[in-house]
C-alpha atoms as a PDB file:
ATOM      1  CA  MET A   1      41.269  10.476 114.951  1.00  0.00           C
ATOM      2  CA  ARG A   2      41.495  11.678 118.460  1.00  0.00           C
ATOM      3  CA  CYS A   3      39.492  10.679 121.129  1.00  0.00           C
ATOM      4  CA  ASN A   4      38.785  12.570 124.356  1.00  0.00           C
ATOM      5  CA  SER A   5      37.976   9.626 126.602  1.00  0.00           C
ATOM      6  CA  SER A   6      39.963   8.666 129.353  1.00  0.00           C
ATOM      7  CA  ASN A   7      37.911   4.991 128.992  1.00  0.00           C
ATOM      8  CA  VAL A   8      40.121   3.194 126.891  1.00  0.00           C
ATOM      9  CA  ARG A   9      42.438   0.134 126.540  1.00  0.00           C
ATOM     10  CA  GLN A  10      44.701  -1.808 124.793  1.00  0.00           C
ATOM     11  CA  HIS A  11      43.576  -2.880 121.581  1.00  0.00           C
ATOM     12  CA  GLY A  12      46.547  -4.443 119.615  1.00  0.00           C
ATOM     13  CA  ARG A  13      49.605  -2.663 117.589  1.00  0.00           C
ATOM     14  CA  THR A  14      50.179  -2.104 114.189  1.00  0.00           C
ATOM     15  CA  THR A  15      52.411  -3.513 111.521  1.00  0.00           C
ATOM     16  CA  LYS A  16      55.117  -0.922 112.697  1.00  0.00           C
ATOM     17  CA  ASN A  17      54.402  -2.262 116.350  1.00  0.00           C
ATOM     18  CA  ARG A  18      52.648   1.002 117.805  1.00  0.00           C
ATOM     19  CA  GLN A  19      50.350   0.497 120.279  1.00  0.00           C
ATOM     20  CA  ARG A  20      46.589   0.959 119.276  1.00  0.00           C
ATOM     21  CA  TRP A  21      43.982   1.948 121.445  1.00  0.00           C
ATOM     22  CA  TYR A  22      40.168   1.096 121.865  1.00  0.00           C
ATOM     23  CA  CYS A  23      37.571   3.675 123.092  1.00  0.00           C
ATOM     24  CA  LEU A  24      34.756   2.112 125.544  1.00  0.00           C
ATOM     25  CA  ASP A  25      32.947   5.593 125.098  1.00  0.00           C
ATOM     26  CA  CYS A  26      32.748   6.038 121.379  1.00  0.00           C
ATOM     27  CA  HIS A  27      34.098   2.173 119.784  1.00  0.00           C
ATOM     28  CA  HIS A  28      36.827   3.386 117.902  1.00  0.00           C
ATOM     29  CA  THR A  29      40.251   2.200 117.734  1.00  0.00           C
ATOM     30  CA  PHE A  30      43.055   5.298 117.564  1.00  0.00           C
ATOM     31  CA  LEU A  31      46.717   5.991 117.994  1.00  0.00           C
ATOM     32  CA  TRP A  32      48.190   8.415 119.944  1.00  0.00           C
ATOM     33  CA  ARG A  33      49.398  11.255 117.492  1.00  0.00           C
ATOM     34  CA  LYS A  34      50.832  14.034 119.945  1.00  0.00           C
ATOM     35  CA  SER A  35      53.294  13.669 122.586  1.00  0.00           C
ATOM     36  CA  SER A  36      50.751  15.461 124.975  1.00  0.00           C
ATOM     37  CA  THR A  37      48.037  12.638 124.654  1.00  0.00           C
ATOM     38  CA  LYS A  38      50.673  10.360 126.481  1.00  0.00           C
ATOM     39  CA  HIS A  39      50.301  12.259 129.341  1.00  0.00           C
ATOM     40  CA  PHE A  40      46.548  12.341 130.180  1.00  0.00           C
ATOM     41  CA  HIS A  41      47.170  11.000 133.234  1.00  0.00           C
ATOM     42  CA  TRP A  42      48.876  14.163 134.722  1.00  0.00           C
ATOM     43  CA  PHE A  43      46.184  16.474 133.179  1.00  0.00           C
ATOM     44  CA  LYS A  44      43.955  14.427 135.059  1.00  0.00           C
ATOM     45  CA  GLN A  45      45.978  14.994 138.200  1.00  0.00           C
ATOM     46  CA  TRP A  46      46.068  19.045 137.407  1.00  0.00           C
ATOM     47  CA  VAL A  47      42.143  19.073 137.137  1.00  0.00           C
ATOM     48  CA  VAL A  48      40.981  16.330 139.737  1.00  0.00           C
ATOM     49  CA  GLU A  49      43.807  17.033 142.719  1.00  0.00           C
ATOM     50  CA  GLY A  50      44.509  20.648 142.056  1.00  0.00           C
ATOM     51  CA  TYR A  51      48.404  19.823 141.615  1.00  0.00           C
ATOM     52  CA  SER A  52      49.921  23.044 139.982  1.00  0.00           C
ATOM     53  CA  VAL A  53      52.328  22.980 136.985  1.00  0.00           C
ATOM     54  CA  ARG A  54      55.678  22.695 138.926  1.00  0.00           C
ATOM     55  CA  GLN A  55      54.120  20.066 140.977  1.00  0.00           C
ATOM     56  CA  LEU A  56      53.431  17.986 138.284  1.00  0.00           C
ATOM     57  CA  SER A  57      56.807  18.233 137.009  1.00  0.00           C
ATOM     58  CA  ASN A  58      58.303  17.449 140.175  1.00  0.00           C
ATOM     59  CA  ILE A  59      55.971  14.039 140.230  1.00  0.00           C
ATOM     60  CA  SER A  60      56.113  13.040 136.518  1.00  0.00           C
ATOM     61  CA  LYS A  61      59.958  14.223 136.104  1.00  0.00           C
ATOM     62  CA  LEU A  62      58.511  15.926 133.198  1.00  0.00           C
ATOM     63  CA  SER A  63      59.610  19.626 132.251  1.00  0.00           C
ATOM     64  CA  GLN A  64      57.080  22.425 133.078  1.00  0.00           C
ATOM     65  CA  SER A  65      56.895  23.015 129.348  1.00  0.00           C
ATOM     66  CA  THR A  66      56.049  19.584 128.653  1.00  0.00           C
ATOM     67  CA  VAL A  67      53.259  20.011 131.474  1.00  0.00           C
ATOM     68  CA  ASN A  68      51.887  23.096 129.825  1.00  0.00           C
ATOM     69  CA  ARG A  69      51.728  21.688 126.441  1.00  0.00           C
ATOM     70  CA  CYS A  70      49.541  18.710 127.923  1.00  0.00           C
ATOM     71  CA  ILE A  71      47.183  21.008 129.957  1.00  0.00           C
ATOM     72  CA  TRP A  72      46.553  23.466 127.071  1.00  0.00           C
ATOM     73  CA  TYR A  73      46.166  20.455 124.454  1.00  0.00           C
ATOM     74  CA  TRP A  74      43.262  19.026 126.462  1.00  0.00           C
ATOM     75  CA  LEU A  75      41.546  22.122 127.617  1.00  0.00           C
ATOM     76  CA  LYS A  76      41.133  22.594 123.775  1.00  0.00           C
ATOM     77  CA  HIS A  77      39.432  19.508 123.269  1.00  0.00           C
ATOM     78  CA  PRO A  78      36.766  19.351 126.196  1.00  0.00           C
ATOM     79  CA  PRO A  79      34.736  15.933 126.611  1.00  0.00           C
ATOM     80  CA  GLN A  80      31.019  15.800 125.383  1.00  0.00           C
ATOM     81  CA  ARG A  81      28.988  14.080 127.982  1.00  0.00           C
ATOM     82  CA  LYS A  82      25.777  12.157 127.054  1.00  0.00           C
ATOM     83  CA  TYR A  83      23.381  11.507 129.782  1.00  0.00           C
ATOM     84  CA  SER A  84      20.546   9.223 130.177  1.00  0.00           C
ATOM     85  CA  PHE A  85      17.243  10.503 131.526  1.00  0.00           C
ATOM     86  CA  SER A  86      15.418   7.562 131.669  1.00  0.00           C
ATOM     87  CA  THR A  87      15.551   6.387 134.887  1.00  0.00           C
ATOM     88  CA  VAL A  88      16.473   9.840 136.941  1.00  0.00           C
ATOM     89  CA  ARG A  89      12.846  10.534 138.678  1.00  0.00           C
ATOM     90  CA  TYR A  90      14.576  12.370 141.523  1.00  0.00           C
ATOM     91  CA  LEU A  91      16.339  15.686 141.277  1.00  0.00           C
ATOM     92  CA  ILE A  92      18.252  18.392 143.236  1.00  0.00           C
ATOM     93  CA  CYS A  93      18.884  21.645 141.313  1.00  0.00           C
ATOM     94  CA  ASP A  94      21.231  24.569 142.276  1.00  0.00           C
ATOM     95  CA  GLY A  95      23.626  27.127 141.500  1.00  0.00           C
ATOM     96  CA  THR A  96      26.687  28.481 143.113  1.00  0.00           C
ATOM     97  CA  PHE A  97      28.842  31.645 142.769  1.00  0.00           C
ATOM     98  CA  LEU A  98      32.253  31.581 141.810  1.00  0.00           C
ATOM     99  CA  GLU A  99      33.202  35.102 141.649  1.00  0.00           C
ATOM    100  CA  HIS A 100      31.099  37.977 140.956  1.00  0.00           C
ATOM    101  CA  ARG A 101      28.029  37.244 139.360  1.00  0.00           C
ATOM    102  CA  THR A 102      29.587  34.046 137.596  1.00  0.00           C
ATOM    103  CA  GLY A 103      28.602  30.819 138.865  1.00  0.00           C
ATOM    104  CA  ILE A 104      27.717  27.197 138.006  1.00  0.00           C
ATOM    105  CA  TYR A 105      24.385  25.539 137.616  1.00  0.00           C
ATOM    106  CA  ALA A 106      24.055  21.587 138.367  1.00  0.00           C
ATOM    107  CA  VAL A 107      21.475  19.085 138.542  1.00  0.00           C
ATOM    108  CA  MET A 108      22.090  15.888 140.180  1.00  0.00           C
ATOM    109  CA  ASN A 109      20.732  12.439 140.796  1.00  0.00           C
ATOM    110  CA  ALA A 110      19.291  12.462 144.088  1.00  0.00           C
ATOM    111  CA  HIS A 111      19.534   8.453 143.816  1.00  0.00           C
ATOM    112  CA  THR A 112      23.055   8.133 142.512  1.00  0.00           C
ATOM    113  CA  LYS A 113      24.656  11.410 143.719  1.00  0.00           C
ATOM    114  CA  GLN A 114      25.804  12.001 140.310  1.00  0.00           C
ATOM    115  CA  LEU A 115      25.793  14.778 138.070  1.00  0.00           C
ATOM    116  CA  VAL A 116      23.335  15.053 135.052  1.00  0.00           C
ATOM    117  CA  TYR A 117      23.902  18.553 134.123  1.00  0.00           C
ATOM    118  CA  GLY A 118      26.532  21.113 135.034  1.00  0.00           C
ATOM    119  CA  ALA A 119      27.368  24.256 133.031  1.00  0.00           C
ATOM    120  CA  TYR A 120      29.760  26.940 133.483  1.00  0.00           C
ATOM    121  CA  ASN A 121      28.256  30.820 134.012  1.00  0.00           C
ATOM    122  CA  ILE A 122      25.215  29.807 134.133  1.00  0.00           C
ATOM    123  CA  PRO A 123      23.280  32.723 136.309  1.00  0.00           C
ATOM    124  CA  GLU A 124      20.230  31.354 138.342  1.00  0.00           C
ATOM    125  CA  GLY A 125      17.383  33.920 136.190  1.00  0.00           C
ATOM    126  CA  ALA A 126      14.880  34.162 133.528  1.00  0.00           C
ATOM    127  CA  HIS A 127      17.063  34.268 130.565  1.00  0.00           C
ATOM    128  CA  THR A 128      19.040  30.817 131.284  1.00  0.00           C
ATOM    129  CA  LEU A 129      17.182  28.631 133.536  1.00  0.00           C
ATOM    130  CA  PRO A 130      13.722  27.921 130.923  1.00  0.00           C
ATOM    131  CA  ILE A 131      16.867  26.963 128.630  1.00  0.00           C
ATOM    132  CA  VAL A 132      18.662  24.563 130.519  1.00  0.00           C
ATOM    133  CA  TYR A 133      15.089  22.945 131.698  1.00  0.00           C
ATOM    134  CA  GLN A 134      13.623  22.527 128.409  1.00  0.00           C
ATOM    135  CA  SER A 135      16.901  20.973 126.960  1.00  0.00           C
ATOM    136  CA  LEU A 136      16.781  18.250 130.172  1.00  0.00           C
ATOM    137  CA  ALA A 137      13.238  17.737 128.930  1.00  0.00           C
ATOM    138  CA  ALA A 138      14.181  17.397 125.342  1.00  0.00           C
ATOM    139  CA  ALA A 139      16.738  15.249 126.337  1.00  0.00           C
ATOM    140  CA  GLY A 140      14.112  12.912 127.574  1.00  0.00           C
ATOM    141  CA  SER A 141      13.862  14.085 131.488  1.00  0.00           C
ATOM    142  CA  SER A 142      10.595  13.593 133.400  1.00  0.00           C
ATOM    143  CA  PRO A 143      11.418  14.381 136.980  1.00  0.00           C
ATOM    144  CA  GLU A 144       9.224  13.178 139.743  1.00  0.00           C
ATOM    145  CA  SER A 145      10.564  15.657 141.946  1.00  0.00           C
ATOM    146  CA  VAL A 146      13.113  18.226 142.670  1.00  0.00           C
ATOM    147  CA  THR A 147      14.732  19.793 145.664  1.00  0.00           C
ATOM    148  CA  VAL A 148      15.386  23.192 145.614  1.00  0.00           C
ATOM    149  CA  ASP A 149      16.752  25.904 147.910  1.00  0.00           C
ATOM    150  CA  GLY A 150      14.088  28.334 147.091  1.00  0.00           C
ATOM    151  CA  ASN A 151      14.945  30.614 144.384  1.00  0.00           C
ATOM    152  CA  PRO A 152      11.758  31.885 143.017  1.00  0.00           C
ATOM    153  CA  GLN A 153      13.081  31.751 139.472  1.00  0.00           C
ATOM    154  CA  GLN A 154      14.030  28.406 139.814  1.00  0.00           C
ATOM    155  CA  ILE A 155      10.318  27.568 140.984  1.00  0.00           C
ATOM    156  CA  LYS A 156       8.499  29.433 138.713  1.00  0.00           C
ATOM    157  CA  TYR A 157      10.611  27.554 135.606  1.00  0.00           C
ATOM    158  CA  LEU A 158      10.522  24.144 136.882  1.00  0.00           C
ATOM    159  CA  HIS A 159       6.751  24.386 136.987  1.00  0.00           C
ATOM    160  CA  LEU A 160       6.194  26.174 133.753  1.00  0.00           C
ATOM    161  CA  VAL A 161       8.506  23.404 131.854  1.00  0.00           C
ATOM    162  CA  TRP A 162       6.601  20.138 134.305  1.00  0.00           C
ATOM    163  CA  PRO A 163       3.772  21.512 135.520  1.00  0.00           C
ATOM    164  CA  SER A 164       2.614  18.284 137.857  1.00  0.00           C
ATOM    165  CA  ILE A 165       6.565  18.068 139.701  1.00  0.00           C
ATOM    166  CA  ILE A 166       6.414  18.089 143.234  1.00  0.00           C
ATOM    167  CA  LEU A 167       8.888  20.977 144.393  1.00  0.00           C
ATOM    168  CA  GLN A 168      10.378  19.953 147.620  1.00  0.00           C
ATOM    169  CA  ARG A 169      12.098  23.089 149.706  1.00  0.00           C
ATOM    170  CA  CYS A 170      15.298  22.645 151.118  1.00  0.00           C
ATOM    171  CA  ILE A 171      14.648  22.930 154.998  1.00  0.00           C
ATOM    172  CA  VAL A 172      18.333  23.581 155.817  1.00  0.00           C
ATOM    173  CA  HIS A 173      18.226  26.803 153.742  1.00  0.00           C
ATOM    174  CA  VAL A 174      14.640  27.660 155.144  1.00  0.00           C
ATOM    175  CA  GLN A 175      16.055  27.104 158.927  1.00  0.00           C
ATOM    176  CA  ARG A 176      19.467  28.845 158.158  1.00  0.00           C
ATOM    177  CA  GLN A 177      17.646  31.891 157.062  1.00  0.00           C
ATOM    178  CA  GLY A 178      14.753  31.868 159.167  1.00  0.00           C
ATOM    179  CA  LEU A 179      17.521  31.911 162.322  1.00  0.00           C
ATOM    180  CA  SER A 180      19.086  34.482 160.422  1.00  0.00           C
ATOM    181  CA  TRP A 181      16.274  36.623 160.413  1.00  0.00           C
ATOM    182  CA  CYS A 182      15.461  36.226 163.917  1.00  0.00           C
ATOM    183  CA  ARG A 183      18.590  36.387 165.523  1.00  0.00           C
ATOM    184  CA  ARG A 184      20.410  34.552 168.016  1.00  0.00           C
ATOM    185  CA  ASN A 185      18.978  36.587 171.183  1.00  0.00           C
ATOM    186  CA  PRO A 186      15.879  38.035 170.098  1.00  0.00           C
ATOM    187  CA  LYS A 187      13.950  40.658 172.411  1.00  0.00           C
ATOM    188  CA  ARG A 188      10.142  40.128 170.894  1.00  0.00           C
ATOM    189  CA  THR A 189       7.980  37.282 172.253  1.00  0.00           C
ATOM    190  CA  ASP A 190       6.740  36.337 168.989  1.00  0.00           C
ATOM    191  CA  THR A 191      10.345  36.403 167.221  1.00  0.00           C
ATOM    192  CA  LYS A 192      11.053  34.006 170.393  1.00  0.00           C
ATOM    193  CA  HIS A 193       8.427  31.804 169.644  1.00  0.00           C
ATOM    194  CA  LEU A 194       9.265  31.886 165.924  1.00  0.00           C
ATOM    195  CA  ARG A 195      13.121  31.056 166.642  1.00  0.00           C
ATOM    196  CA  GLU A 196      12.585  27.796 168.644  1.00  0.00           C
ATOM    197  CA  ILE A 197       9.630  26.711 166.025  1.00  0.00           C
ATOM    198  CA  PHE A 198      13.180  26.970 163.124  1.00  0.00           C
ATOM    199  CA  LEU A 199      15.350  25.399 165.439  1.00  0.00           C
ATOM    200  CA  ARG A 200      13.056  22.112 165.520  1.00  0.00           C
ATOM    201  CA  LEU A 201      13.063  22.075 161.546  1.00  0.00           C
ATOM    202  CA  CYS A 202      15.463  19.598 160.942  1.00  0.00           C
ATOM    203  CA  THR A 203      14.516  17.157 163.575  1.00  0.00           C
ATOM    204  CA  VAL A 204      11.568  16.564 161.399  1.00  0.00           C
ATOM    205  CA  LYS A 205      11.682  12.943 160.226  1.00  0.00           C
ATOM    206  CA  THR A 206       8.312  11.705 160.206  1.00  0.00           C
ATOM    207  CA  SER A 207       4.964  12.546 158.865  1.00  0.00           C
ATOM    208  CA  ALA A 208       3.377  12.998 162.506  1.00  0.00           C
ATOM    209  CA  GLN A 209       6.479  15.161 163.080  1.00  0.00           C
ATOM    210  CA  ALA A 210       5.738  16.905 160.165  1.00  0.00           C
ATOM    211  CA  GLN A 211       1.915  17.506 160.879  1.00  0.00           C
ATOM    212  CA  GLN A 212       3.072  18.603 164.399  1.00  0.00           C
ATOM    213  CA  PHE A 213       5.696  21.104 162.954  1.00  0.00           C
ATOM    214  CA  ILE A 214       2.679  22.767 160.842  1.00  0.00           C
ATOM    215  CA  ALA A 215       0.124  22.813 163.808  1.00  0.00           C
ATOM    216  CA  ASP A 216       2.909  24.616 165.656  1.00  0.00           C
ATOM    217  CA  VAL A 217       3.247  27.216 162.658  1.00  0.00           C
ATOM    218  CA  ILE A 218      -0.446  27.431 162.602  1.00  0.00           C
ATOM    219  CA  ALA A 219      -0.471  27.999 166.320  1.00  0.00           C
ATOM    220  CA  TRP A 220       1.836  30.420 166.390  1.00  0.00           C
ATOM    221  CA  GLU A 221       0.292  32.553 163.374  1.00  0.00           C
ATOM    222  CA  ASN A 222      -3.034  32.598 165.097  1.00  0.00           C
ATOM    223  CA  ARG A 223      -1.596  33.856 168.482  1.00  0.00           C
ATOM    224  CA  PHE A 224       0.857  36.333 166.904  1.00  0.00           C
ATOM    225  CA  GLY A 225      -0.374  36.913 162.802  1.00  0.00           C
ATOM    226  CA  VAL A 226      -3.032  39.512 163.620  1.00  0.00           C
ATOM    227  CA  THR A 227      -0.825  41.747 165.431  1.00  0.00           C
ATOM    228  CA  ILE A 228       2.239  41.636 163.641  1.00  0.00           C
ATOM    229  CA  ASP A 229      -0.169  42.949 160.704  1.00  0.00           C
ATOM    230  CA  GLN A 230      -1.543  45.399 162.749  1.00  0.00           C
ATOM    231  CA  SER A 231       1.449  46.646 164.116  1.00  0.00           C
ATOM    232  CA  THR A 232       2.703  50.012 163.403  1.00  0.00           C
ATOM    233  CA  VAL A 233       6.305  49.304 163.956  1.00  0.00           C
ATOM    234  CA  ARG A 234       8.581  49.820 161.620  1.00  0.00           C
ATOM    235  CA  GLY A 235      12.724  49.043 161.151  1.00  0.00           C
ATOM    236  CA  TRP A 236      14.877  46.747 160.345  1.00  0.00           C
ATOM    237  CA  VAL A 237      14.389  44.264 163.270  1.00  0.00           C
ATOM    238  CA  PHE A 238      10.675  44.065 162.703  1.00  0.00           C
ATOM    239  CA  SER A 239      11.143  44.051 158.963  1.00  0.00           C
ATOM    240  CA  ASP A 240      13.299  40.737 159.218  1.00  0.00           C
ATOM    241  CA  LEU A 241      10.778  39.317 161.376  1.00  0.00           C
ATOM    242  CA  LEU A 242       8.181  39.913 158.842  1.00  0.00           C
ATOM    243  CA  ARG A 243      10.480  38.522 156.014  1.00  0.00           C
ATOM    244  CA  ALA A 244      10.954  35.199 158.330  1.00  0.00           C
ATOM    245  CA  ARG A 245       7.177  35.046 158.416  1.00  0.00           C
ATOM    246  CA  SER A 246       6.833  35.229 155.142  1.00  0.00           C
ATOM    247  CA  MET A 247       9.021  32.703 154.186  1.00  0.00           C
ATOM    248  CA  LEU A 248       8.168  30.177 156.200  1.00  0.00           C
ATOM    249  CA  LEU A 249       4.364  30.500 155.344  1.00  0.00           C
ATOM    250  CA  LYS A 250       5.085  30.124 151.775  1.00  0.00           C
ATOM    251  CA  ALA A 251       7.870  27.006 151.874  1.00  0.00           C
ATOM    252  CA  LEU A 252       5.296  25.437 154.322  1.00  0.00           C
ATOM    253  CA  PRO A 253       3.166  23.302 151.855  1.00  0.00           C
ATOM    254  CA  ASN A 254       6.348  21.978 150.182  1.00  0.00           C
ATOM    255  CA  MET A 255       8.703  21.901 153.124  1.00  0.00           C
ATOM    256  CA  PHE A 256       7.736  18.069 153.844  1.00  0.00           C
ATOM    257  CA  HIS A 257       7.449  15.773 150.732  1.00  0.00           C
ATOM    258  CA  PHE A 258      10.322  13.357 152.314  1.00  0.00           C
ATOM    259  CA  THR A 259       8.590  12.423 154.915  1.00  0.00           C
ATOM    260  CA  THR A 260       6.025  10.493 152.647  1.00  0.00           C
ATOM    261  CA  ASN A 261       8.619   9.533 149.989  1.00  0.00           C
ATOM    262  CA  ASN A 262      11.896   8.837 151.035  1.00  0.00           C
ATOM    263  CA  HIS A 263      13.429   9.039 147.321  1.00  0.00           C
ATOM    264  CA  ILE A 264      12.848  12.582 148.050  1.00  0.00           C
ATOM    265  CA  PRO A 265      16.073  14.604 149.724  1.00  0.00           C
ATOM    266  CA  SER A 266      15.002  16.743 152.322  1.00  0.00           C
ATOM    267  CA  SER A 267      17.995  19.135 151.554  1.00  0.00           C
ATOM    268  CA  THR A 268      20.228  20.581 148.548  1.00  0.00           C
ATOM    269  CA  ASN A 269      23.331  19.294 151.052  1.00  0.00           C
ATOM    270  CA  THR A 270      24.868  17.028 148.648  1.00  0.00           C
ATOM    271  CA  LEU A 271      25.178  19.380 145.932  1.00  0.00           C
ATOM    272  CA  GLU A 272      26.446  22.033 148.384  1.00  0.00           C
ATOM    273  CA  SER A 273      29.208  19.525 149.133  1.00  0.00           C
ATOM    274  CA  TYR A 274      30.344  18.941 145.844  1.00  0.00           C
ATOM    275  CA  PHE A 275      30.410  22.395 145.065  1.00  0.00           C
ATOM    276  CA  SER A 276      31.996  23.095 147.931  1.00  0.00           C
ATOM    277  CA  ARG A 277      35.095  20.500 146.840  1.00  0.00           C
ATOM    278  CA  LEU A 278      34.819  21.860 143.295  1.00  0.00           C
ATOM    279  CA  LYS A 279      35.391  25.712 144.727  1.00  0.00           C
ATOM    280  CA  GLU A 280      38.682  24.317 146.680  1.00  0.00           C
ATOM    281  CA  HIS A 281      40.050  22.850 143.626  1.00  0.00           C
ATOM    282  CA  TYR A 282      39.491  25.518 141.162  1.00  0.00           C
ATOM    283  CA  ARG A 283      40.771  27.868 143.699  1.00  0.00           C
ATOM    284  CA  HIS A 284      44.314  26.363 143.073  1.00  0.00           C
ATOM    285  CA  HIS A 285      43.887  27.501 139.138  1.00  0.00           C
ATOM    286  CA  ARG A 286      42.611  31.017 139.843  1.00  0.00           C
ATOM    287  CA  GLY A 287      45.147  32.113 137.474  1.00  0.00           C
ATOM    288  CA  LEU A 288      43.559  30.509 134.576  1.00  0.00           C
ATOM    289  CA  ALA A 289      42.622  32.307 131.419  1.00  0.00           C
ATOM    290  CA  ILE A 290      39.224  33.067 131.164  1.00  0.00           C
ATOM    291  CA  HIS A 291      38.686  31.106 127.903  1.00  0.00           C
ATOM    292  CA  HIS A 292      40.044  28.267 129.458  1.00  0.00           C
ATOM    293  CA  HIS A 293      37.007  28.203 132.179  1.00  0.00           C
ATOM    294  CA  ASP A 294      34.337  26.345 130.198  1.00  0.00           C
ATOM    295  CA  ALA A 295      36.684  23.503 129.328  1.00  0.00           C
ATOM    296  CA  TYR A 296      37.858  23.443 132.959  1.00  0.00           C
ATOM    297  CA  PHE A 297      34.566  22.952 134.500  1.00  0.00           C
ATOM    298  CA  LYS A 298      33.952  20.185 131.378  1.00  0.00           C
ATOM    299  CA  TRP A 299      36.365  18.397 132.503  1.00  0.00           C
ATOM    300  CA  TYR A 300      35.891  18.465 136.308  1.00  0.00           C
ATOM    301  CA  PHE A 301      31.891  17.298 135.681  1.00  0.00           C
ATOM    302  CA  TYR A 302      33.440  14.446 133.578  1.00  0.00           C
ATOM    303  CA  PHE A 303      36.409  13.115 135.790  1.00  0.00           C
ATOM    304  CA  VAL A 304      33.859  13.919 138.618  1.00  0.00           C
ATOM    305  CA  PRO A 305      30.610  13.890 138.278  1.00  0.00           C
ATOM    306  CA  GLY A 306      29.641  13.069 141.717  1.00  0.00           C
ATOM    307  CA  LYS A 307      30.049  12.408 145.047  1.00  0.00           C
ATOM    308  CA  ASN A 308      31.205   9.140 145.616  1.00  0.00           C
ATOM    309  CA  ASN A 309      34.016   9.030 142.690  1.00  0.00           C
ATOM    310  CA  ASN A 310      37.033   7.629 143.432  1.00  0.00           C
ATOM    311  CA  THR A 311      39.477  10.223 141.826  1.00  0.00           C
ATOM    312  CA  LYS A 312      42.888   8.707 142.334  1.00  0.00           C
END
């Protein structure tokens, strides 16, 4: 048999003095049958460190054709990860684009900083997200809270699958988008005051600070809201002010759950950081055949399931 796991140990020898191995994941013993399987370590370096075939050939003293055969062999045998959701209560959900509209969607355990789900070519839309969340629920996932970036499709289908879930809006996304719409040097008085509010958002750490922030937003709305609604001004500057105001008012009820429960992360930064490292390694293999992309990312998620993994 063939084992796709790297979590193996030596397990005696056969009558012909061949090394037998024991898989700690599937609990089977086996023999390496192909020469490609002997070089699994170099395949791991290709995935995790982003080494090229030529670099691996120089390091391992193997021919480039041997390294290529090893890579092709393991890409044809991607791992099948099994996750345990029984103790996962706090999640971070986010997606990222790799090229054009093709991307990755991942779900991370906020406590352990480990992925509990990751898949290639899963857009954040109505056709795929319900399937993802329903599959997680079927596997036993019943989270207490999820931190999201504000994608309306995510919010809609998370509430649909888990009606009582707490949705924490990423305050970094709210601040970044709000400052972008307010611009660096606004001329309008209302926009200047709104920009000051956005600048203070990431300094909120306690319930008292959160209440003060909410009071400042309400005071701003009471002062400028009616004037904005009655304004006949048109143009892209005013339109962006309307967007910033609308986003802030809609996000406000779900922005500060983390101040009353320190297990809830205030942002999706941990998962964004994971995506950043993944993209850096993936760019080293941008010539990889399209039909191998799914297997490549399955192996990456397998080797590097979280933020603090030692990949050496």
